[in-house]
């Protein structure tokens, strides 16, 4: 590891993390909420079939802007923390029918903070795709989540998971007849959530997250080169640059690569190899971070390369109208796409992206690449 990289890791309980005095925030450009029924079903099963507190995995938090913003940023763990908040909101809402004081205690201690003036702020601020929805229907005390109707996919998952937990807990409590017993069981569920065991990893800089990604293999740790690079690009973008435009450019890159069926992190490495030096996927993020100076130009060129990559993977005759010997070039690239070979994409990406600069006809080289791979396949 680099000598300037450091982090702190402690094994804690959720009550010492989410229910502590810290306020958490999902960074603006993190992926949206994605947990589905399979994942919340597993969560419910783990929670209710284990008598002892179980291990929920590692959480990575960035404290870089904590003093300025008042928030600890969630680098990894937002899916689990948001799901726990949904779960506790269900406990609160069911408690309203049994014990109003318990419902208010869950709200104050597990979901929100109460300031000296009697105002309220919430313990976790989700990403922008669900922030308003989440505060209105999950975190707000007098919300009515079962009446939710939305077409937004991340919001729909939140509503779906709320209903799942509500139905499960409501049915679970029916095993006990008296009100006091049901209140006791609600408290037991709340205690189980509070005692979930986690590893709290704190980093001082967001870019250090990739070092954690390289050296840990914890449940729920889904960061990739693409996730971290997206955050880094927007962080390094000059203040004068339109952030919404940058965000839209990244969406276009993602959409282009999704069209090819290739993983975004694999395309990014192809791009890097086509212009810079050889680097393994494991070291790619660090290499980009340490090399790039003009982040706007980098984002624009990544976008341009994503367009060419689509043309390589899904070629159309019209893609090569500006080339000499366009028909031959199209036929060779189409043949390579049918062969489903990937080793040549680095060279082809470099040739096509720089066609206007090098001012030479690439038809013979592309045709030669096709013949080589065709010969290799025929010899197998």
Foldseek 3Di string as FASTA:
>chain_A
DDPVWDKDKDKDFVCVPLLNPAAAEEDQQFDFADDAPVVLVVVVCVLPVDPAAEAPKAWEWACQCCVPPVHIYTPFDPNVLLLLLLLLLLLLVVCVVQPPVVSVCSLPRRFWPADPVRDIDGRYAYHPLCRVVCCQARNDSPHDLQPDDDPRVSSVRSSVSSVVSNVVLVVVLVVDDDSVVSVVVSVVSVVSNRGHIYMYMYTHDLLSVLVVVLPDDMPRPDDFLLSSVLVVLLVLADPPDDSVVLVVLVVLLVVLVVLLVDDSLVLVQLQCVLPHPDDDRSCVSVVCVVPDDHSVVVSVLSSVLSVVVSCLQPNDLVVQVVAVVSVLLRVLSVLVNVVVDDPCSSNVSNCVSCVVPVVDHCSVVSNVVSVVVVVVVVVD
